[in-house]
Amino acid sequence: MQLNTSASVMSFAKQLEADSSGFYQEMAQRYPEAAALSLAFARENGKYATMIERAYYGVITDAIEGCFAFTVETDKYVIEKQLAKGLGYADALNQAVNMEQKLISFYTDAAEQSKAFMADVPRTFLIVAKKRKDREDKLRALLKEK
């Protein structure tokens, strides 16, 4: 599905945060060795959704919503919302890394597409992308330990 309006992209971003939060909550339940970090990631997702929402509502006007600032193809950013049954810890970490890569790509692409129309929203998207890159690095470090 293609998203064109600011409101639709903001809704999609919030849904990605909710879905990835659920993924990390499930990971915390399934892998005790990952519980603390996974729950911290899930909590951060709620903060990211709030940051995005505040940036959007801080700049929203009829002019912004009336224009088509985006051409986001959601199929490119589909993430696995749940862990596969019987998945080992290392494979779960790989699934989390893949999810983070897709989310980084979404936020980077959305920031690039909207930078000509808005300032706060793309800046917030880039902040979230950077924080997710840090998260990806932590997950990769855990993989190296396995």
N, C-alpha and C. Protein backbone atom coordinates (compact mmCIF):
# COMPACT_ATOMS: atom_id res chain seq x y z
N MET A 1 0.85 -1.17 0.00
CA MET A 1 0.00 0.00 0.00
C MET A 1 0.90 1.24 0.00
N GLN A 2 0.52 2.21 -0.77
CA GLN A 2 1.28 3.45 -0.82
C GLN A 2 0.63 4.51 0.05
N LEU A 3 1.46 5.18 0.85
CA LEU A 3 1.00 6.26 1.71
C LEU A 3 1.51 7.58 1.13
N ASN A 4 0.64 8.59 1.09
CA ASN A 4 1.04 9.87 0.54
C ASN A 4 0.91 11.03 1.51
N THR A 5 -0.02 10.93 2.44
CA THR A 5 -0.25 12.06 3.33
C THR A 5 0.55 11.93 4.62
N SER A 6 0.77 13.04 5.24
CA SER A 6 1.48 13.06 6.52
C SER A 6 0.76 12.22 7.56
N ALA A 7 -0.55 12.36 7.64
CA ALA A 7 -1.32 11.62 8.64
C ALA A 7 -1.17 10.12 8.46
N SER A 8 -1.20 9.65 7.22
CA SER A 8 -1.10 8.21 6.99
C SER A 8 0.30 7.69 7.34
N VAL A 9 1.33 8.46 7.07
CA VAL A 9 2.69 8.05 7.41
C VAL A 9 2.88 8.07 8.93
N MET A 10 2.32 9.06 9.60
CA MET A 10 2.42 9.10 11.07
C MET A 10 1.71 7.89 11.68
N SER A 11 0.56 7.54 11.16
CA SER A 11 -0.16 6.38 11.66
C SER A 11 0.64 5.10 11.42
N PHE A 12 1.26 5.00 10.26
CA PHE A 12 2.08 3.83 9.95
C PHE A 12 3.28 3.76 10.89
N ALA A 13 3.92 4.89 11.16
CA ALA A 13 5.07 4.91 12.07
C ALA A 13 4.64 4.45 13.47
N LYS A 14 3.51 4.93 13.95
CA LYS A 14 3.02 4.52 15.26
C LYS A 14 2.71 3.02 15.29
N GLN A 15 2.17 2.50 14.18
CA GLN A 15 1.88 1.07 14.11
C GLN A 15 3.16 0.25 14.11
N LEU A 16 4.18 0.71 13.40
CA LEU A 16 5.48 0.01 13.42
C LEU A 16 6.05 -0.02 14.83
N GLU A 17 5.93 1.08 15.55
CA GLU A 17 6.43 1.13 16.93
C GLU A 17 5.67 0.16 17.82
N ALA A 18 4.35 0.11 17.65
CA ALA A 18 3.54 -0.81 18.46
C ALA A 18 3.88 -2.27 18.12
N ASP A 19 4.02 -2.56 16.83
CA ASP A 19 4.33 -3.93 16.42
C ASP A 19 5.71 -4.36 16.92
N SER A 20 6.70 -3.49 16.78
CA SER A 20 8.04 -3.87 17.22
C SER A 20 8.11 -3.93 18.75
N SER A 21 7.31 -3.15 19.44
CA SER A 21 7.23 -3.25 20.89
C SER A 21 6.70 -4.62 21.30
N GLY A 22 5.65 -5.07 20.63
CA GLY A 22 5.11 -6.39 20.91
C GLY A 22 6.13 -7.49 20.65
N PHE A 23 6.90 -7.34 19.59
CA PHE A 23 7.96 -8.29 19.27
C PHE A 23 8.95 -8.38 20.44
N TYR A 24 9.39 -7.22 20.94
CA TYR A 24 10.37 -7.23 22.03
C TYR A 24 9.77 -7.73 23.35
N GLN A 25 8.50 -7.49 23.58
CA GLN A 25 7.86 -8.04 24.77
C GLN A 25 7.81 -9.56 24.70
N GLU A 26 7.50 -10.08 23.51
CA GLU A 26 7.50 -11.53 23.34
C GLU A 26 8.91 -12.10 23.49
N MET A 27 9.89 -11.39 22.97
CA MET A 27 11.28 -11.84 23.10
C MET A 27 11.69 -11.89 24.57
N ALA A 28 11.26 -10.92 25.35
CA ALA A 28 11.57 -10.89 26.78
C ALA A 28 10.97 -12.09 27.50
N GLN A 29 9.77 -12.47 27.12
CA GLN A 29 9.11 -13.62 27.75
C GLN A 29 9.78 -14.93 27.36
N ARG A 30 10.18 -15.03 26.12
CA ARG A 30 10.70 -16.29 25.61
C ARG A 30 12.17 -16.53 25.95
N TYR A 31 12.95 -15.46 26.05
CA TYR A 31 14.39 -15.59 26.28
C TYR A 31 14.78 -14.79 27.51
N PRO A 32 14.86 -15.43 28.67
CA PRO A 32 15.18 -14.72 29.92
C PRO A 32 16.49 -13.93 29.84
N GLU A 33 17.44 -14.43 29.07
CA GLU A 33 18.72 -13.72 28.97
C GLU A 33 18.57 -12.38 28.23
N ALA A 34 17.47 -12.21 27.52
CA ALA A 34 17.23 -10.97 26.78
C ALA A 34 16.15 -10.11 27.41
N ALA A 35 15.61 -10.54 28.55
CA ALA A 35 14.44 -9.87 29.12
C ALA A 35 14.67 -8.39 29.42
N ALA A 36 15.73 -8.07 30.12
CA ALA A 36 15.95 -6.67 30.52
C ALA A 36 16.11 -5.77 29.30
N LEU A 37 16.94 -6.17 28.37
CA LEU A 37 17.18 -5.35 27.18
C LEU A 37 15.93 -5.27 26.31
N SER A 38 15.25 -6.39 26.13
CA SER A 38 14.05 -6.40 25.28
C SER A 38 12.94 -5.53 25.86
N LEU A 39 12.76 -5.59 27.17
CA LEU A 39 11.73 -4.74 27.79
C LEU A 39 12.11 -3.26 27.71
N ALA A 40 13.40 -2.98 27.81
CA ALA A 40 13.85 -1.59 27.65
C ALA A 40 13.57 -1.11 26.23
N PHE A 41 13.82 -1.96 25.24
CA PHE A 41 13.53 -1.60 23.85
C PHE A 41 12.03 -1.37 23.66
N ALA A 42 11.20 -2.21 24.25
CA ALA A 42 9.75 -2.05 24.13
C ALA A 42 9.30 -0.71 24.72
N ARG A 43 9.86 -0.34 25.86
CA ARG A 43 9.53 0.95 26.47
C ARG A 43 9.99 2.11 25.59
N GLU A 44 11.18 1.98 25.01
CA GLU A 44 11.69 3.02 24.12
C GLU A 44 10.76 3.22 22.92
N ASN A 45 10.19 2.14 22.42
CA ASN A 45 9.29 2.25 21.28
C ASN A 45 8.12 3.18 21.59
N GLY A 46 7.60 3.08 22.79
CA GLY A 46 6.53 3.99 23.20
C GLY A 46 6.99 5.44 23.20
N LYS A 47 8.23 5.66 23.62
CA LYS A 47 8.79 7.01 23.62
C LYS A 47 8.97 7.51 22.19
N TYR A 48 9.40 6.64 21.29
CA TYR A 48 9.57 7.03 19.89
C TYR A 48 8.23 7.44 19.29
N ALA A 49 7.19 6.66 19.56
CA ALA A 49 5.86 6.99 19.04
C ALA A 49 5.41 8.35 19.56
N THR A 50 5.67 8.63 20.82
CA THR A 50 5.30 9.92 21.41
C THR A 50 6.10 11.05 20.77
N MET A 51 7.39 10.84 20.56
CA MET A 51 8.24 11.86 19.91
C MET A 51 7.70 12.21 18.52
N ILE A 52 7.36 11.19 17.76
CA ILE A 52 6.87 11.39 16.40
C ILE A 52 5.54 12.13 16.42
N GLU A 53 4.66 11.71 17.31
CA GLU A 53 3.35 12.35 17.41
C GLU A 53 3.48 13.82 17.80
N ARG A 54 4.34 14.11 18.76
CA ARG A 54 4.53 15.51 19.20
C ARG A 54 5.11 16.36 18.07
N ALA A 55 6.08 15.83 17.35
CA ALA A 55 6.67 16.59 16.24
C ALA A 55 5.62 16.88 15.18
N TYR A 56 4.80 15.89 14.89
CA TYR A 56 3.77 16.04 13.87
C TYR A 56 2.72 17.06 14.30
N TYR A 57 2.19 16.90 15.49
CA TYR A 57 1.16 17.83 15.94
C TYR A 57 1.69 19.23 16.20
N GLY A 58 2.98 19.35 16.42
CA GLY A 58 3.59 20.66 16.61
C GLY A 58 3.66 21.47 15.33
N VAL A 59 3.60 20.81 14.17
CA VAL A 59 3.74 21.54 12.91
C VAL A 59 2.55 21.37 11.98
N ILE A 60 1.57 20.56 12.39
CA ILE A 60 0.46 20.25 11.49
C ILE A 60 -0.35 21.51 11.17
N THR A 61 -0.62 21.65 9.91
CA THR A 61 -1.53 22.71 9.42
C THR A 61 -2.29 22.10 8.26
N ASP A 62 -3.30 22.78 7.83
CA ASP A 62 -4.03 22.30 6.66
C ASP A 62 -3.13 22.26 5.44
N ALA A 63 -2.19 23.18 5.36
CA ALA A 63 -1.28 23.21 4.21
C ALA A 63 -0.41 21.97 4.18
N ILE A 64 0.10 21.56 5.32
CA ILE A 64 0.95 20.37 5.36
C ILE A 64 0.12 19.13 5.05
N GLU A 65 -1.03 19.02 5.68
CA GLU A 65 -1.84 17.82 5.47
C GLU A 65 -2.43 17.79 4.07
N GLY A 66 -2.67 18.95 3.51
CA GLY A 66 -3.24 19.00 2.17
C GLY A 66 -2.26 18.61 1.09
N CYS A 67 -0.98 18.75 1.36
CA CYS A 67 0.01 18.37 0.34
C CYS A 67 0.38 16.91 0.49
N PHE A 68 0.94 16.39 -0.55
CA PHE A 68 1.37 15.00 -0.52
C PHE A 68 2.88 15.00 -0.34
N ALA A 69 3.31 14.92 0.90
CA ALA A 69 4.73 15.00 1.24
C ALA A 69 5.43 13.66 1.09
N PHE A 70 4.69 12.58 0.94
CA PHE A 70 5.30 11.25 0.96
C PHE A 70 4.86 10.40 -0.22
N THR A 71 5.72 9.46 -0.53
CA THR A 71 5.37 8.32 -1.38
C THR A 71 6.01 7.11 -0.71
N VAL A 72 5.39 6.68 0.36
CA VAL A 72 5.89 5.56 1.16
C VAL A 72 5.15 4.30 0.75
N GLU A 73 5.90 3.32 0.30
CA GLU A 73 5.34 2.02 -0.06
C GLU A 73 5.51 1.11 1.15
N THR A 74 4.42 0.83 1.84
CA THR A 74 4.50 0.11 3.12
C THR A 74 5.04 -1.31 3.00
N ASP A 75 4.86 -1.94 1.85
CA ASP A 75 5.34 -3.32 1.69
C ASP A 75 6.84 -3.43 1.89
N LYS A 76 7.55 -2.36 1.64
CA LYS A 76 9.01 -2.34 1.79
C LYS A 76 9.42 -2.43 3.26
N TYR A 77 8.52 -2.06 4.15
CA TYR A 77 8.86 -1.95 5.58
C TYR A 77 8.10 -2.94 6.46
N VAL A 78 7.54 -3.97 5.88
CA VAL A 78 6.80 -4.97 6.65
C VAL A 78 7.78 -5.69 7.58
N ILE A 79 7.39 -5.79 8.84
CA ILE A 79 8.24 -6.47 9.83
C ILE A 79 7.51 -7.69 10.38
N GLU A 80 8.30 -8.65 10.84
CA GLU A 80 7.74 -9.82 11.52
C GLU A 80 7.31 -9.35 12.92
N LYS A 81 6.04 -9.49 13.22
CA LYS A 81 5.52 -9.01 14.50
C LYS A 81 5.73 -10.01 15.62
N GLN A 82 5.94 -11.27 15.26
CA GLN A 82 6.09 -12.30 16.27
C GLN A 82 7.30 -13.16 15.95
N LEU A 83 7.80 -13.77 16.98
CA LEU A 83 8.90 -14.72 16.82
C LEU A 83 8.33 -16.05 16.33
N ALA A 84 9.05 -16.70 15.44
CA ALA A 84 8.62 -18.01 14.97
C ALA A 84 8.72 -19.01 16.11
N LYS A 85 7.85 -19.98 16.11
CA LYS A 85 7.87 -21.00 17.16
C LYS A 85 9.17 -21.81 17.07
N GLY A 86 9.73 -22.14 18.23
CA GLY A 86 10.93 -22.95 18.29
C GLY A 86 12.20 -22.25 17.83
N LEU A 87 12.15 -20.96 17.70
CA LEU A 87 13.30 -20.19 17.24
C LEU A 87 14.34 -20.10 18.34
N GLY A 88 15.59 -20.38 18.02
CA GLY A 88 16.68 -20.26 18.99
C GLY A 88 16.99 -18.80 19.26
N TYR A 89 17.70 -18.56 20.34
CA TYR A 89 18.02 -17.19 20.75
C TYR A 89 18.80 -16.43 19.67
N ALA A 90 19.80 -17.05 19.08
CA ALA A 90 20.61 -16.39 18.04
C ALA A 90 19.74 -16.03 16.83
N ASP A 91 18.84 -16.93 16.46
CA ASP A 91 17.94 -16.65 15.33
C ASP A 91 16.97 -15.52 15.68
N ALA A 92 16.53 -15.47 16.92
CA ALA A 92 15.65 -14.38 17.37
C ALA A 92 16.39 -13.05 17.31
N LEU A 93 17.66 -13.05 17.70
CA LEU A 93 18.46 -11.83 17.61
C LEU A 93 18.61 -11.40 16.15
N ASN A 94 18.82 -12.36 15.26
CA ASN A 94 18.90 -12.04 13.83
C ASN A 94 17.59 -11.45 13.32
N GLN A 95 16.47 -12.00 13.78
CA GLN A 95 15.17 -11.47 13.38
C GLN A 95 15.02 -10.03 13.89
N ALA A 96 15.48 -9.77 15.09
CA ALA A 96 15.41 -8.41 15.65
C ALA A 96 16.30 -7.45 14.85
N VAL A 97 17.49 -7.90 14.47
CA VAL A 97 18.39 -7.06 13.65
C VAL A 97 17.72 -6.72 12.33
N ASN A 98 17.12 -7.71 11.69
CA ASN A 98 16.43 -7.47 10.41
C ASN A 98 15.29 -6.48 10.57
N MET A 99 14.55 -6.60 11.68
CA MET A 99 13.46 -5.68 11.94
C MET A 99 14.00 -4.26 12.11
N GLU A 100 15.06 -4.11 12.88
CA GLU A 100 15.64 -2.78 13.10
C GLU A 100 16.13 -2.18 11.79
N GLN A 101 16.70 -2.99 10.91
CA GLN A 101 17.18 -2.48 9.62
C GLN A 101 16.02 -1.93 8.80
N LYS A 102 14.89 -2.62 8.80
CA LYS A 102 13.72 -2.13 8.06
C LYS A 102 13.18 -0.84 8.66
N LEU A 103 13.17 -0.77 9.99
CA LEU A 103 12.67 0.43 10.64
C LEU A 103 13.61 1.62 10.42
N ILE A 104 14.90 1.38 10.45
CA ILE A 104 15.87 2.44 10.14
C ILE A 104 15.64 2.95 8.72
N SER A 105 15.44 2.02 7.80
CA SER A 105 15.19 2.38 6.41
C SER A 105 13.91 3.21 6.28
N PHE A 106 12.85 2.80 6.98
CA PHE A 106 11.60 3.57 6.93
C PHE A 106 11.81 5.00 7.42
N TYR A 107 12.40 5.14 8.60
CA TYR A 107 12.56 6.48 9.16
C TYR A 107 13.50 7.35 8.33
N THR A 108 14.54 6.77 7.78
CA THR A 108 15.47 7.52 6.93
C THR A 108 14.78 7.96 5.64
N ASP A 109 14.06 7.03 5.01
CA ASP A 109 13.35 7.36 3.77
C ASP A 109 12.26 8.41 4.01
N ALA A 110 11.49 8.25 5.07
CA ALA A 110 10.42 9.20 5.37
C ALA A 110 10.99 10.58 5.68
N ALA A 111 12.11 10.64 6.37
CA ALA A 111 12.75 11.93 6.67
C ALA A 111 13.19 12.61 5.38
N GLU A 112 13.79 11.84 4.49
CA GLU A 112 14.26 12.39 3.21
C GLU A 112 13.09 12.92 2.39
N GLN A 113 12.01 12.18 2.35
CA GLN A 113 10.86 12.59 1.55
C GLN A 113 10.17 13.83 2.10
N SER A 114 10.20 14.03 3.39
CA SER A 114 9.44 15.13 3.99
C SER A 114 10.27 16.36 4.32
N LYS A 115 11.56 16.32 4.10
CA LYS A 115 12.41 17.44 4.54
C LYS A 115 12.10 18.75 3.83
N ALA A 116 11.57 18.70 2.62
CA ALA A 116 11.26 19.93 1.91
C ALA A 116 9.99 20.60 2.42
N PHE A 117 9.13 19.85 3.08
CA PHE A 117 7.84 20.38 3.53
C PHE A 117 7.78 20.68 5.01
N MET A 118 8.60 19.99 5.79
CA MET A 118 8.54 20.10 7.24
C MET A 118 9.96 20.13 7.78
N ALA A 119 10.14 20.57 9.00
CA ALA A 119 11.46 20.54 9.62
C ALA A 119 11.48 19.59 10.82
N ASP A 120 10.52 19.75 11.71
CA ASP A 120 10.52 18.97 12.95
C ASP A 120 10.29 17.49 12.73
N VAL A 121 9.41 17.14 11.82
CA VAL A 121 9.09 15.74 11.60
C VAL A 121 10.29 14.98 11.03
N PRO A 122 10.94 15.47 9.95
CA PRO A 122 12.10 14.73 9.45
C PRO A 122 13.24 14.67 10.47
N ARG A 123 13.41 15.73 11.23
CA ARG A 123 14.44 15.73 12.27
C ARG A 123 14.16 14.64 13.30
N THR A 124 12.90 14.50 13.70
CA THR A 124 12.51 13.47 14.66
C THR A 124 12.69 12.08 14.06
N PHE A 125 12.31 11.92 12.80
CA PHE A 125 12.51 10.63 12.13
C PHE A 125 14.00 10.25 12.14
N LEU A 126 14.87 11.21 11.87
CA LEU A 126 16.31 10.92 11.86
C LEU A 126 16.84 10.59 13.25
N ILE A 127 16.30 11.23 14.27
CA ILE A 127 16.69 10.91 15.66
C ILE A 127 16.30 9.47 15.98
N VAL A 128 15.07 9.09 15.62
CA VAL A 128 14.61 7.72 15.87
C VAL A 128 15.46 6.73 15.07
N ALA A 129 15.79 7.06 13.83
CA ALA A 129 16.63 6.17 13.01
C ALA A 129 17.99 5.97 13.67
N LYS A 130 18.57 7.05 14.21
CA LYS A 130 19.88 6.95 14.87
C LYS A 130 19.79 6.09 16.12
N LYS A 131 18.74 6.27 16.90
CA LYS A 131 18.57 5.46 18.11
C LYS A 131 18.36 4.00 17.75
N ARG A 132 17.64 3.75 16.67
CA ARG A 132 17.44 2.38 16.23
C ARG A 132 18.74 1.77 15.70
N LYS A 133 19.60 2.59 15.09
CA LYS A 133 20.90 2.09 14.65
C LYS A 133 21.74 1.69 15.86
N ASP A 134 21.68 2.49 16.92
CA ASP A 134 22.38 2.13 18.15
C ASP A 134 21.84 0.80 18.69
N ARG A 135 20.53 0.62 18.61
CA ARG A 135 19.89 -0.61 19.06
C ARG A 135 20.36 -1.78 18.19
N GLU A 136 20.41 -1.58 16.89
CA GLU A 136 20.89 -2.64 16.00
C GLU A 136 22.32 -3.04 16.37
N ASP A 137 23.15 -2.05 16.67
CA ASP A 137 24.53 -2.35 17.07
C ASP A 137 24.58 -3.19 18.35
N LYS A 138 23.71 -2.88 19.31
CA LYS A 138 23.65 -3.67 20.55
C LYS A 138 23.24 -5.12 20.26
N LEU A 139 22.27 -5.27 19.39
CA LEU A 139 21.81 -6.61 19.03
C LEU A 139 22.91 -7.39 18.31
N ARG A 140 23.64 -6.72 17.43
CA ARG A 140 24.75 -7.38 16.73
C ARG A 140 25.86 -7.79 17.72
N ALA A 141 26.09 -6.96 18.74
CA ALA A 141 27.09 -7.30 19.75
C ALA A 141 26.65 -8.56 20.52
N LEU A 142 25.36 -8.67 20.82
CA LEU A 142 24.85 -9.86 21.47
C LEU A 142 25.02 -11.09 20.59
N LEU A 143 24.83 -10.91 19.30
CA LEU A 143 25.01 -12.02 18.36
C LEU A 143 26.46 -12.52 18.35
N LYS A 144 27.39 -11.60 18.43
CA LYS A 144 28.81 -11.98 18.43
C LYS A 144 29.17 -12.78 19.68
N GLU A 145 28.45 -12.53 20.77
CA GLU A 145 28.68 -13.27 22.01
C GLU A 145 28.16 -14.70 21.92
N LYS A 146 27.24 -14.94 21.01
CA LYS A 146 26.62 -16.27 20.89
C LYS A 146 27.50 -17.22 20.15
